[in-house]
Amino acid sequence: MAMLFEVCLHRREPRWLVLIEGQFYGEYIDKVQALLDAIDAATDALATGQEAEVWDQDGGKRVY
């Protein structure tokens, strides 16, 4: 089963969050930076033999 990386907008504050398997990974001022960091972390997971997916919860689609 693939590791799930999610990028979503924080509901109460203007910042973006990256969650890995539902657990907090990082917060960002900018959506693009959040996506880039999630993709970088997913790439690292793939390099260790794990499956990984990055989802943009704002757009509801898989981005990596």
Protein backbone atom coordinates (compact mmCIF):
# COMPACT_ATOMS: atom_id res chain seq x y z
CA MET A 1 0.00 0.00 0.00
CA ALA A 2 1.30 3.46 -0.93
CA MET A 3 2.27 6.10 1.62
CA LEU A 4 -0.24 8.92 1.31
CA PHE A 5 1.10 12.48 1.24
CA GLU A 6 -1.67 15.11 1.41
CA VAL A 7 -1.39 18.86 0.80
CA CYS A 8 -4.29 20.85 2.26
CA LEU A 9 -5.20 24.36 3.37
CA HIS A 10 -5.40 24.83 7.13
CA ARG A 11 -9.01 25.65 7.98
CA ARG A 12 -8.42 28.44 10.49
CA GLU A 13 -5.17 30.01 9.35
CA PRO A 14 -3.82 30.98 5.91
CA ARG A 15 -1.19 28.25 5.63
CA TRP A 16 -0.75 24.97 3.82
CA LEU A 17 -0.12 21.66 5.55
CA VAL A 18 1.54 18.46 4.41
CA LEU A 19 0.27 15.31 6.07
CA ILE A 20 1.82 11.86 5.73
CA GLU A 21 -0.64 9.09 6.47
CA GLY A 22 -2.77 11.68 8.31
CA GLN A 23 0.11 12.82 10.53
CA PHE A 24 1.50 16.36 10.46
CA TYR A 25 4.71 16.68 8.42
CA GLY A 26 5.09 20.43 7.80
CA GLU A 27 3.38 23.77 7.28
CA TYR A 28 3.96 26.32 4.52
CA ILE A 29 2.86 29.83 3.60
CA ASP A 30 2.60 28.86 -0.06
CA LYS A 31 0.80 25.92 -1.73
CA VAL A 32 3.55 25.45 -4.32
CA GLN A 33 6.21 25.03 -1.62
CA ALA A 34 4.00 22.53 0.20
CA LEU A 35 3.53 20.51 -2.98
CA LEU A 36 7.25 20.59 -3.79
CA ASP A 37 8.18 19.40 -0.30
CA ALA A 38 5.56 16.63 -0.38
CA ILE A 39 6.83 15.46 -3.78
CA ASP A 40 10.41 15.54 -2.52
CA ALA A 41 9.47 13.44 0.53
CA ALA A 42 7.50 11.02 -1.67
CA THR A 43 10.51 10.70 -3.99
CA ASP A 44 12.67 9.83 -0.97
CA ALA A 45 10.11 7.18 0.06
CA LEU A 46 10.16 5.72 -3.46
CA ALA A 47 13.96 5.59 -3.34
CA THR A 48 13.73 3.32 -0.28
CA GLY A 49 11.37 0.94 -2.06
CA GLN A 50 8.08 2.24 -0.65
CA GLU A 51 5.14 3.21 -2.79
CA ALA A 52 4.06 6.84 -2.42
CA GLU A 53 1.37 9.19 -3.73
CA VAL A 54 0.92 12.95 -3.33
CA TRP A 55 -2.61 14.34 -3.33
CA ASP A 56 -3.72 17.98 -3.57
CA GLN A 57 -6.76 18.00 -1.30
CA ASP A 58 -7.65 21.51 -2.42
CA GLY A 59 -8.07 20.34 -6.01
CA GLY A 60 -9.04 16.79 -5.11
CA LYS A 61 -6.50 15.18 -7.40
CA ARG A 62 -3.32 13.16 -7.36
CA VAL A 63 -0.31 15.24 -8.36
CA TYR A 64 2.48 12.64 -8.03
